[in-house]
Amino acid sequence: MKRVTVLGLLAGASVWVGTACAAEEPIKVAGHRFLTLNTVIRVNQIESARNLNVGADEAAIHTPETVAAFRDAVAKGFPGAKVTWSFSWLALQDERPNYVAIRKQVVGYHQAFGDEITFIPGGFFAPMYSSRAQVNQDLHDALQRVSAMVGNGYRPKSIVAGFLAAENLRYLAEKEGIHVCQGTIWSQYGIDNGDGDGSICYPYYPSREHACKPAQGPADFIDCVTLDGWTCDFLCARRFGYEDGFNSRLGVGPIESYQNLGAEKGMAEVMAVMASHFDDDFKLNGFGWIANCWEISLIKSCRPDVLECLTKWLQNVRQRWPDTRMVTQGEFGEAWRSEHPDNGGANYRFVQRGTGIGGSEPNLEIRWFMNADFRLAVLRDWQKNEPNQVIDFTRYDLTAREPADPTPDKPTRNWSLINRINQKHRRPEDKPVPLSALTAEEQAIIKKRCPELF
C-alpha cells in the first residue's frame, strides 16, 4: 500500500491506494461474499422537482474535506475497496465552489480506484413526487451530465434511487442501456420519507406491473436487476416505523446503529447482521451480499466517532471474512445478471435469531423464503421451541398495480406491494397464523418451493 494525492482533491489531501487499480479477475457471484457501499451527494434532502425542494440547503455539510474524510475512512478500512457515488440533480448543477470541487474530486476517485459515479433522482423517493415521464427525463438528462463530467465516454452501470416505478426501471434498461438499479428499500414502511414494502431483499428482475414484484415471465420481464438500499435486521424490519419505540431500519446503516446506539452496541448489531448473511445464509444461498449507504451529509451531522466506525467496521469485515469483495453496485448487479438470465435462480432463504439489541428480540427466530412466486416469513420463539407462525405471505402470482403519477404538490407516499399477509401487521388480516391456517391453494404454492416446511 502507498499514499498518493488524487486528482481533484484539495492540495495535500490524500488517500490509501490498495489493489483497486490492479488487474482484476472477472466477478462471479456464486460462492462469494460481497459488500456494496453507496453514498449520496445532494443539495437538499429531498429534491421533489428540479425547482422544488424539501429540507434545508446542505451545502455547509457537503465540502471537499468531508468527501475526502469519507473516502479516506473507506480506504483505511478496506484497501482496494470501490464506492458508488450518486449525485442528485442539483449537486450535478450547483456552481458553488464546494460542489464544483467535489465533482472534480470524485472523478479523481473514479480514475484512481474505479469508483462508480452515477445519479440519484429526487435525492431518494422520486416516484413520490414526479411523474414517470418526468423521472425518465431526469434520468436521461442527468446521465448525460454524469458522462460529460467524467469524460472519456464514461457511462455508469447502475442508478441509485431509493425506489423507482416499474416504468422507470424499464426505461433505464430499454432506452438508457442501464441494467442495474438500487430500486427498492426492503421493508421500508412508516419511516423516513416513503413506503415501499413488499419486495425481496436480494437481486431480482422486476415485473412491469410493480417494481416490488419479481417478473413472472418473458412478457412481464424488465431487464434491470433491482437491488436493496441497505441491509436490515430482519426482526427489526418486521415492525412499522418506530413501533414500540424501536427503529424498524436497524441493521448496517450508520444512523440506526452507531449514531443511535453508540459505537460499541452499534458495531455489535452491524456485525451480527453481517454474520447472518455471510455465515448461515451464505450456506443457504450459495453467496452473501450486504448493501449499505452512507450519505455524505452524515459525516458532519453525526457524532465524530461515527466516521471512525466506518473504518473499524470494514476492518472487522476483512478480518472475519477475508474473501469479501467490495465492488461497485453496478459491478455486483451486472455480475448477478450474467449468471441469472431470469428470476428462475432467485430462490433465497434467510434465517436470523434476535441479537437482543433494539427491536431484535433474542428469543425469536425468523426465517424468510423469497422467490419469484412469493415471499414468506415465519417467526417462532426458539427458546420455548414454539411452532412457526406466518407473519408475511406476499404472493407474486397475483395482479399488482402501482399508484398513479403524483405531482410535487400532491405526493404519493406509499408504493408498497401488500396482499395476503404483510409483516407490518397494519390490517386485521395480517395477524400471524400457522401454516396450516392458509388455504390449500396457498399451502400448495409454498410447498412447491419450500417442502421442508411441511
Protein backbone atom coordinates (compact mmCIF):
# COMPACT_ATOMS: atom_id res chain seq x y z
CA MET A 1 0.00 0.00 0.00
CA LYS A 2 1.10 3.54 -0.63
CA ARG A 3 -0.29 7.00 -0.07
CA VAL A 4 -0.85 9.31 -3.05
CA THR A 5 -2.58 12.57 -3.91
CA VAL A 6 -5.60 12.03 -6.11
CA LEU A 7 -6.73 14.37 -8.88
CA GLY A 8 -9.50 16.64 -7.77
CA LEU A 9 -8.64 16.62 -4.08
CA LEU A 10 -7.70 19.68 -2.13
CA ALA A 11 -3.99 20.36 -2.17
CA GLY A 12 -2.24 17.94 0.12
CA ALA A 13 -5.24 15.64 0.64
CA SER A 14 -4.53 12.00 0.02
CA VAL A 15 -5.95 8.52 0.26
CA TRP A 16 -4.73 4.98 0.70
CA VAL A 17 -4.24 3.10 -2.53
CA GLY A 18 -4.61 -0.65 -2.38
CA THR A 19 -5.33 -3.05 -5.21
CA ALA A 20 -8.21 -1.26 -6.93
CA CYS A 21 -6.11 -0.20 -9.91
CA ALA A 22 -4.54 -3.60 -10.41
CA ALA A 23 -5.83 -6.08 -12.97
CA GLU A 24 -8.90 -7.80 -11.55
CA GLU A 25 -10.45 -11.19 -12.15
CA PRO A 26 -14.00 -11.26 -13.55
CA ILE A 27 -16.57 -11.04 -10.77
CA LYS A 28 -18.50 -14.22 -10.04
CA VAL A 29 -21.36 -14.03 -7.56
CA ALA A 30 -21.83 -17.73 -6.83
CA GLY A 31 -19.63 -18.89 -3.98
CA HIS A 32 -18.54 -15.41 -2.90
CA ARG A 33 -19.31 -12.67 -0.38
CA PHE A 34 -19.93 -9.10 -1.49
CA LEU A 35 -20.24 -5.70 0.09
CA THR A 36 -21.56 -2.70 -1.82
CA LEU A 37 -21.32 0.81 -0.35
CA ASN A 38 -23.24 3.75 -1.83
CA THR A 39 -23.08 7.38 -0.91
CA VAL A 40 -25.28 10.35 -1.78
CA ILE A 41 -24.15 13.89 -2.59
CA ARG A 42 -27.06 16.31 -2.72
CA VAL A 43 -28.04 19.92 -2.10
CA ASN A 44 -31.39 19.38 -0.39
CA GLN A 45 -32.53 16.28 1.45
CA ILE A 46 -35.42 15.74 -0.96
CA GLU A 47 -35.35 17.32 -4.41
CA SER A 48 -39.01 16.84 -5.22
CA ALA A 49 -38.63 18.61 -8.57
CA ARG A 50 -35.86 20.41 -10.42
CA ASN A 51 -37.03 23.68 -8.89
CA LEU A 52 -38.78 22.45 -5.72
CA ASN A 53 -37.05 21.08 -2.63
CA VAL A 54 -37.83 19.74 0.81
CA GLY A 55 -35.41 20.30 3.68
CA ALA A 56 -32.57 22.72 4.28
CA ASP A 57 -29.76 23.57 1.89
CA GLU A 58 -26.94 21.19 2.85
CA ALA A 59 -24.07 22.99 1.16
CA ALA A 60 -22.37 23.62 4.50
CA ILE A 61 -22.03 19.90 5.20
CA HIS A 62 -21.09 18.96 1.64
CA THR A 63 -17.47 20.01 1.36
CA PRO A 64 -14.35 18.57 -0.28
CA GLU A 65 -12.92 17.95 3.18
CA THR A 66 -15.97 15.93 4.18
CA VAL A 67 -15.86 13.89 0.99
CA ALA A 68 -12.14 13.22 1.45
CA ALA A 69 -12.68 12.14 5.06
CA PHE A 70 -15.29 9.62 3.94
CA ARG A 71 -13.20 8.16 1.12
CA ASP A 72 -10.11 8.00 3.32
CA ALA A 73 -12.06 6.16 6.04
CA VAL A 74 -13.16 3.58 3.47
CA ALA A 75 -9.65 3.08 2.07
CA LYS A 76 -8.11 2.70 5.53
CA GLY A 77 -10.67 0.08 6.46
CA PHE A 78 -10.71 -1.84 3.18
CA PRO A 79 -7.77 -1.19 0.83
CA GLY A 80 -8.83 -1.72 -2.76
CA ALA A 81 -12.50 -1.07 -2.00
CA LYS A 82 -14.73 0.62 -4.53
CA VAL A 83 -17.52 3.07 -3.72
CA THR A 84 -20.63 4.02 -5.69
CA TRP A 85 -21.13 7.81 -5.66
CA SER A 86 -24.57 9.17 -6.55
CA PHE A 87 -25.19 12.86 -7.26
CA SER A 88 -28.59 14.49 -7.06
CA TRP A 89 -29.82 16.75 -9.88
CA LEU A 90 -28.88 19.92 -8.03
CA ALA A 91 -25.50 18.54 -6.94
CA LEU A 92 -24.69 17.94 -10.62
CA GLN A 93 -25.65 21.53 -11.49
CA ASP A 94 -24.58 23.62 -8.48
CA GLU A 95 -21.77 26.04 -9.38
CA ARG A 96 -20.81 26.99 -5.84
CA PRO A 97 -17.10 26.30 -5.23
CA ASN A 98 -17.65 23.36 -2.92
CA TYR A 99 -19.81 21.43 -5.40
CA VAL A 100 -17.51 22.24 -8.32
CA ALA A 101 -14.58 20.92 -6.28
CA ILE A 102 -16.46 17.81 -5.12
CA ARG A 103 -17.36 16.83 -8.68
CA LYS A 104 -13.69 17.04 -9.74
CA GLN A 105 -12.67 15.22 -6.59
CA VAL A 106 -14.99 12.26 -7.16
CA VAL A 107 -13.87 11.97 -10.78
CA GLY A 108 -10.39 11.60 -9.33
CA TYR A 109 -11.59 8.70 -7.20
CA HIS A 110 -13.06 7.05 -10.26
CA GLN A 111 -9.74 7.37 -12.06
CA ALA A 112 -7.69 6.16 -9.11
CA PHE A 113 -9.88 3.39 -7.70
CA GLY A 114 -12.52 2.51 -10.25
CA ASP A 115 -15.32 4.02 -8.16
CA GLU A 116 -18.69 4.34 -9.88
CA ILE A 117 -20.28 7.78 -10.38
CA THR A 118 -23.99 7.93 -11.03
CA PHE A 119 -27.27 9.78 -10.45
CA ILE A 120 -29.90 9.63 -7.71
CA PRO A 121 -33.23 11.06 -8.92
CA GLY A 122 -35.05 13.14 -6.33
CA GLY A 123 -32.38 12.55 -3.73
CA PHE A 124 -34.40 9.35 -2.94
CA PHE A 125 -38.09 8.56 -3.50
CA ALA A 126 -38.52 10.25 -6.90
CA PRO A 127 -41.83 8.40 -7.66
CA MET A 128 -43.40 10.08 -4.66
CA TYR A 129 -43.19 13.49 -6.29
CA SER A 130 -42.64 13.24 -10.03
CA SER A 131 -44.49 11.60 -12.90
CA ARG A 132 -42.91 8.62 -14.58
CA ALA A 133 -42.27 10.72 -17.68
CA GLN A 134 -40.51 13.40 -15.63
CA VAL A 135 -38.36 10.84 -13.82
CA ASN A 136 -37.36 9.36 -17.17
CA GLN A 137 -36.41 12.82 -18.44
CA ASP A 138 -34.40 13.47 -15.27
CA LEU A 139 -32.61 10.16 -15.72
CA HIS A 140 -31.76 10.93 -19.32
CA ASP A 141 -30.51 14.46 -18.72
CA ALA A 142 -28.59 13.61 -15.55
CA LEU A 143 -26.86 10.61 -17.13
CA GLN A 144 -25.64 12.85 -19.92
CA ARG A 145 -24.36 15.26 -17.31
CA VAL A 146 -22.53 12.48 -15.46
CA SER A 147 -20.92 11.26 -18.67
CA ALA A 148 -19.73 14.75 -19.54
CA MET A 149 -18.42 15.30 -16.02
CA VAL A 150 -16.32 12.14 -16.01
CA GLY A 151 -15.32 12.22 -19.68
CA ASN A 152 -13.67 9.56 -21.83
CA GLY A 153 -17.01 8.05 -22.83
CA TYR A 154 -17.87 7.12 -19.25
CA ARG A 155 -21.26 5.58 -18.57
CA PRO A 156 -22.39 4.31 -15.14
CA LYS A 157 -23.53 0.71 -14.84
CA SER A 158 -26.23 1.48 -12.30
CA ILE A 159 -28.53 4.06 -10.75
CA VAL A 160 -29.16 4.79 -7.07
CA ALA A 161 -32.80 5.66 -6.45
CA GLY A 162 -34.26 4.60 -3.12
CA PHE A 163 -37.12 3.23 -5.16
CA LEU A 164 -38.37 3.70 -8.70
CA ALA A 165 -41.57 2.87 -10.55
CA ALA A 166 -41.53 -0.16 -12.82
CA GLU A 167 -41.85 2.05 -15.90
CA ASN A 168 -38.71 3.95 -14.89
CA LEU A 169 -36.80 0.70 -14.46
CA ARG A 170 -37.99 -0.40 -17.88
CA TYR A 171 -36.88 2.92 -19.35
CA LEU A 172 -33.42 2.53 -17.82
CA ALA A 173 -32.99 -0.88 -19.40
CA GLU A 174 -34.54 -0.27 -22.81
CA LYS A 175 -33.63 3.37 -23.51
CA GLU A 176 -30.54 4.09 -21.44
CA GLY A 177 -28.94 0.64 -21.53
CA ILE A 178 -28.52 0.53 -17.75
CA HIS A 179 -29.43 -2.82 -16.26
CA VAL A 180 -28.82 -2.35 -12.53
CA CYS A 181 -30.71 -0.10 -10.13
CA GLN A 182 -30.86 0.27 -6.38
CA GLY A 183 -34.60 0.41 -6.90
CA THR A 184 -36.12 -0.89 -3.68
CA ILE A 185 -35.65 -0.23 0.02
CA TRP A 186 -36.62 -3.53 1.53
CA SER A 187 -39.30 -3.39 4.26
CA GLN A 188 -39.50 0.44 4.14
CA TYR A 189 -42.82 1.34 5.74
CA GLY A 190 -43.93 4.03 8.19
CA ILE A 191 -40.48 5.57 8.44
CA ASP A 192 -38.36 8.12 6.60
CA ASN A 193 -39.98 9.80 3.59
CA GLY A 194 -41.54 6.98 1.62
CA ASP A 195 -43.06 3.50 1.85
CA GLY A 196 -42.04 0.59 -0.34
CA ASP A 197 -42.56 -2.73 1.45
CA GLY A 198 -43.27 -5.94 -0.44
CA SER A 199 -40.18 -6.84 -2.50
CA ILE A 200 -37.46 -9.41 -1.92
CA CYS A 201 -34.17 -8.25 -0.46
CA TYR A 202 -31.66 -9.91 -2.80
CA PRO A 203 -31.31 -9.27 -6.55
CA TYR A 204 -34.29 -9.83 -8.84
CA TYR A 205 -35.76 -8.68 -12.15
CA PRO A 206 -38.93 -6.63 -11.60
CA SER A 207 -42.36 -7.02 -13.14
CA ARG A 208 -43.85 -4.46 -15.50
CA GLU A 209 -46.83 -4.31 -13.12
CA HIS A 210 -44.99 -3.29 -9.96
CA ALA A 211 -41.34 -2.65 -9.08
CA CYS A 212 -41.65 -4.69 -5.86
CA LYS A 213 -42.91 -7.73 -7.77
CA PRO A 214 -40.47 -10.12 -9.46
CA ALA A 215 -41.17 -10.63 -13.17
CA GLN A 216 -43.45 -13.60 -13.79
CA GLY A 217 -42.27 -14.46 -17.30
CA PRO A 218 -40.86 -13.09 -20.56
CA ALA A 219 -43.86 -10.86 -21.28
CA ASP A 220 -43.61 -9.34 -17.80
CA PHE A 221 -39.82 -9.04 -17.69
CA ILE A 222 -37.80 -5.87 -17.11
CA ASP A 223 -34.10 -6.40 -17.74
CA CYS A 224 -32.95 -4.27 -14.83
CA VAL A 225 -31.54 -6.04 -11.78
CA THR A 226 -33.18 -4.44 -8.74
CA LEU A 227 -31.12 -4.10 -5.57
CA ASP A 228 -31.88 -3.25 -1.97
CA GLY A 229 -30.61 0.00 -0.48
CA TRP A 230 -29.25 -1.20 2.87
CA THR A 231 -29.36 -4.47 4.75
CA CYS A 232 -31.54 -4.56 7.86
CA ASP A 233 -32.02 -6.81 10.86
CA PHE A 234 -34.95 -8.99 9.77
CA LEU A 235 -36.56 -8.93 13.22
CA CYS A 236 -36.44 -5.15 13.43
CA ALA A 237 -37.65 -4.80 9.85
CA ARG A 238 -40.95 -6.54 10.55
CA ARG A 239 -42.01 -3.54 12.64
CA PHE A 240 -43.93 -0.50 11.47
CA GLY A 241 -41.81 2.65 11.62
CA TYR A 242 -40.76 3.28 15.23
CA GLU A 243 -43.31 0.88 16.65
CA ASP A 244 -42.90 0.26 20.42
CA GLY A 245 -40.01 2.72 20.40
CA PHE A 246 -37.81 0.57 18.15
CA ASN A 247 -36.31 1.58 14.81
CA SER A 248 -37.51 -0.74 12.05
CA ARG A 249 -34.50 0.17 9.86
CA LEU A 250 -31.87 -1.03 12.35
CA GLY A 251 -29.17 -3.04 10.61
CA VAL A 252 -25.91 -1.99 8.97
CA GLY A 253 -26.90 1.66 8.43
CA PRO A 254 -24.85 4.19 10.45
CA ILE A 255 -27.71 6.31 11.81
CA GLU A 256 -29.67 3.44 13.29
CA SER A 257 -26.57 1.67 14.61
CA TYR A 258 -23.60 3.82 15.69
CA GLN A 259 -25.35 7.18 15.91
CA ASN A 260 -28.38 5.95 17.87
CA LEU A 261 -26.87 3.08 19.87
CA GLY A 262 -23.26 4.16 20.34
CA ALA A 263 -20.13 2.73 18.78
CA GLU A 264 -19.89 -0.50 20.81
CA LYS A 265 -23.51 -1.61 20.73
CA GLY A 266 -23.95 -0.33 17.17
CA MET A 267 -20.96 -2.34 15.96
CA ALA A 268 -22.27 -5.45 17.69
CA GLU A 269 -25.57 -5.13 15.85
CA VAL A 270 -23.92 -4.43 12.49
CA MET A 271 -21.61 -7.42 12.77
CA ALA A 272 -24.45 -9.71 13.86
CA VAL A 273 -26.47 -8.75 10.78
CA MET A 274 -23.36 -9.27 8.64
CA ALA A 275 -22.85 -12.72 10.16
CA SER A 276 -26.40 -13.72 9.33
CA HIS A 277 -25.79 -13.11 5.62
CA PHE A 278 -22.15 -14.17 5.44
CA ASP A 279 -22.35 -17.34 7.55
CA ASP A 280 -25.68 -19.20 7.75
CA ASP A 281 -27.34 -17.51 4.79
CA PHE A 282 -24.20 -17.90 2.70
CA LYS A 283 -24.61 -21.66 3.06
CA LEU A 284 -28.29 -21.47 2.17
CA ASN A 285 -27.95 -19.22 -0.89
CA GLY A 286 -24.50 -20.00 -2.22
CA PHE A 287 -23.41 -16.36 -1.91
CA GLY A 288 -23.72 -13.47 0.52
CA TRP A 289 -24.35 -9.78 -0.05
CA ILE A 290 -24.52 -6.76 2.23
CA ALA A 291 -25.75 -3.39 0.92
CA ASN A 292 -25.05 -0.17 2.78
CA CYS A 293 -25.46 3.56 2.23
CA TRP A 294 -23.59 6.38 3.98
CA GLU A 295 -24.91 9.73 2.83
CA ILE A 296 -22.11 12.29 2.77
CA SER A 297 -24.27 14.60 4.91
CA LEU A 298 -23.81 12.16 7.80
CA ILE A 299 -20.09 12.80 8.09
CA LYS A 300 -20.71 16.19 9.68
CA SER A 301 -24.22 15.73 11.06
CA CYS A 302 -23.40 12.59 13.10
CA ARG A 303 -21.13 12.36 16.13
CA PRO A 304 -17.39 12.39 15.27
CA ASP A 305 -16.87 8.77 16.34
CA VAL A 306 -19.41 7.55 13.77
CA LEU A 307 -16.93 8.07 10.92
CA GLU A 308 -14.32 6.12 12.89
CA CYS A 309 -16.85 3.26 12.98
CA LEU A 310 -16.85 3.13 9.19
CA THR A 311 -13.15 2.25 9.14
CA LYS A 312 -13.46 -0.15 12.07
CA TRP A 313 -16.43 -1.91 10.50
CA LEU A 314 -14.59 -2.51 7.25
CA GLN A 315 -11.53 -3.74 9.15
CA ASN A 316 -13.77 -6.16 11.06
CA VAL A 317 -15.27 -7.45 7.82
CA ARG A 318 -11.85 -8.09 6.29
CA GLN A 319 -10.63 -9.85 9.41
CA ARG A 320 -13.67 -12.10 9.81
CA TRP A 321 -14.46 -12.75 6.13
CA PRO A 322 -11.19 -12.07 4.28
CA ASP A 323 -12.63 -13.30 0.97
CA THR A 324 -15.18 -10.44 0.87
CA ARG A 325 -15.13 -8.32 -2.26
CA MET A 326 -16.13 -4.67 -2.01
CA VAL A 327 -17.20 -3.70 -5.52
CA THR A 328 -19.40 -1.05 -7.07
CA GLN A 329 -23.13 -1.52 -7.13
CA GLY A 330 -23.06 -1.74 -10.91
CA GLU A 331 -20.35 -4.40 -10.91
CA PHE A 332 -22.25 -6.56 -8.43
CA GLY A 333 -25.55 -6.22 -10.27
CA GLU A 334 -24.02 -6.93 -13.66
CA ALA A 335 -22.23 -9.99 -12.27
CA TRP A 336 -25.51 -11.34 -10.90
CA ARG A 337 -27.19 -10.59 -14.23
CA SER A 338 -24.54 -12.53 -16.14
CA GLU A 339 -25.26 -15.61 -14.01
CA HIS A 340 -29.06 -15.22 -13.91
CA PRO A 341 -30.89 -14.52 -17.19
CA ASP A 342 -34.24 -14.52 -15.36
CA ASN A 343 -35.70 -14.98 -11.88
CA GLY A 344 -35.54 -18.77 -12.02
CA GLY A 345 -32.43 -18.90 -9.85
CA ALA A 346 -33.70 -16.31 -7.38
CA ASN A 347 -34.78 -18.70 -4.63
CA TYR A 348 -33.43 -17.19 -1.45
CA ARG A 349 -33.51 -18.38 2.15
CA PHE A 350 -32.55 -16.45 5.27
CA VAL A 351 -32.55 -17.30 8.95
CA GLN A 352 -31.81 -14.97 11.83
CA ARG A 353 -32.09 -15.10 15.60
CA GLY A 354 -32.53 -11.89 17.50
CA THR A 355 -29.48 -10.01 18.71
CA GLY A 356 -31.07 -8.60 21.85
CA ILE A 357 -30.31 -5.10 20.57
CA GLY A 358 -33.07 -2.63 19.78
CA GLY A 359 -36.15 -4.36 18.42
CA SER A 360 -34.33 -7.63 17.71
CA GLU A 361 -35.70 -9.93 20.41
CA PRO A 362 -33.15 -12.59 21.45
CA ASN A 363 -35.79 -15.30 21.94
CA LEU A 364 -37.16 -15.03 18.40
CA GLU A 365 -36.07 -16.71 15.18
CA ILE A 366 -37.28 -15.51 11.81
CA ARG A 367 -36.95 -17.43 8.55
CA TRP A 368 -37.52 -15.81 5.17
CA PHE A 369 -38.17 -17.54 1.85
CA MET A 370 -38.06 -15.27 -1.21
CA ASN A 371 -38.51 -16.22 -4.84
CA ALA A 372 -40.41 -15.23 -7.97
CA ASP A 373 -43.63 -16.85 -6.72
CA PHE A 374 -43.85 -15.34 -3.25
CA ARG A 375 -42.05 -14.14 -0.18
CA LEU A 376 -42.82 -15.89 3.09
CA ALA A 377 -41.68 -15.18 6.65
CA VAL A 378 -42.23 -17.49 9.61
CA LEU A 379 -41.49 -16.48 13.20
CA ARG A 380 -41.10 -18.56 16.35
CA ASP A 381 -39.84 -18.38 19.90
CA TRP A 382 -36.90 -20.74 19.62
CA GLN A 383 -36.16 -20.69 23.35
CA LYS A 384 -39.63 -22.12 24.04
CA ASN A 385 -39.46 -24.31 20.93
CA GLU A 386 -42.76 -22.88 19.70
CA PRO A 387 -44.10 -23.70 16.21
CA ASN A 388 -43.71 -21.32 13.31
CA GLN A 389 -46.25 -18.57 12.70
CA VAL A 390 -46.63 -16.99 9.27
CA ILE A 391 -46.08 -13.23 9.60
CA ASP A 392 -45.73 -12.41 5.89
CA PHE A 393 -47.01 -14.12 2.77
CA THR A 394 -46.80 -11.85 -0.26
CA ARG A 395 -47.95 -13.58 -3.42
CA TYR A 396 -46.33 -12.51 -6.68
CA ASP A 397 -48.69 -14.51 -8.89
CA LEU A 398 -51.48 -12.03 -8.15
CA THR A 399 -52.06 -8.89 -10.22
CA ALA A 400 -50.33 -5.83 -8.78
CA ARG A 401 -50.72 -2.15 -9.54
CA GLU A 402 -48.59 0.87 -8.69
CA PRO A 403 -50.06 4.28 -7.78
CA ALA A 404 -50.93 6.79 -10.47
CA ASP A 405 -48.47 9.57 -11.24
CA PRO A 406 -48.07 12.05 -8.37
CA THR A 407 -47.20 15.73 -8.55
CA PRO A 408 -44.72 17.66 -6.39
CA ASP A 409 -47.56 19.36 -4.51
CA LYS A 410 -49.58 16.12 -4.19
CA PRO A 411 -47.03 13.40 -3.41
CA THR A 412 -47.88 9.72 -3.19
CA ARG A 413 -46.07 8.21 -0.21
CA ASN A 414 -46.98 4.54 -0.39
CA TRP A 415 -45.52 2.40 -3.20
CA SER A 416 -45.77 -0.88 -1.31
CA LEU A 417 -46.96 -4.25 -2.59
CA ILE A 418 -49.17 -5.79 0.11
CA ASN A 419 -51.67 -8.58 -0.42
CA ARG A 420 -52.23 -11.79 1.57
CA ILE A 421 -50.35 -11.21 4.88
CA ASN A 422 -47.88 -8.39 5.50
CA GLN A 423 -45.16 -8.30 8.15
CA LYS A 424 -46.05 -4.76 9.29
CA HIS A 425 -49.43 -6.04 10.62
CA ARG A 426 -51.36 -2.86 9.83
CA ARG A 427 -54.57 -4.72 8.84
CA PRO A 428 -56.70 -7.30 10.69
CA GLU A 429 -55.81 -9.90 8.05
CA ASP A 430 -52.10 -9.52 8.90
CA LYS A 431 -52.50 -11.38 12.19
CA PRO A 432 -49.89 -14.20 12.38
CA VAL A 433 -51.25 -17.65 11.63
CA PRO A 434 -49.81 -21.19 11.45
CA LEU A 435 -49.08 -22.60 8.01
CA SER A 436 -52.00 -24.96 8.43
CA ALA A 437 -54.38 -21.97 8.57
CA LEU A 438 -53.54 -20.99 4.99
CA THR A 439 -55.78 -22.25 2.21
CA ALA A 440 -54.99 -25.50 0.41
CA GLU A 441 -54.06 -23.47 -2.68
CA GLU A 442 -51.68 -21.28 -0.69
CA GLN A 443 -50.07 -24.25 1.01
CA ALA A 444 -49.54 -25.90 -2.38
CA ILE A 445 -47.81 -22.77 -3.71
CA ILE A 446 -45.47 -22.71 -0.71
CA LYS A 447 -44.84 -26.46 -0.69
CA LYS A 448 -43.64 -26.33 -4.30
CA ARG A 449 -40.76 -24.05 -3.28
CA CYS A 450 -40.34 -24.94 0.41
CA PRO A 451 -41.27 -28.60 1.01
CA GLU A 452 -39.17 -28.62 4.18
CA LEU A 453 -41.82 -26.50 5.92
CA PHE A 454 -44.42 -29.31 5.69
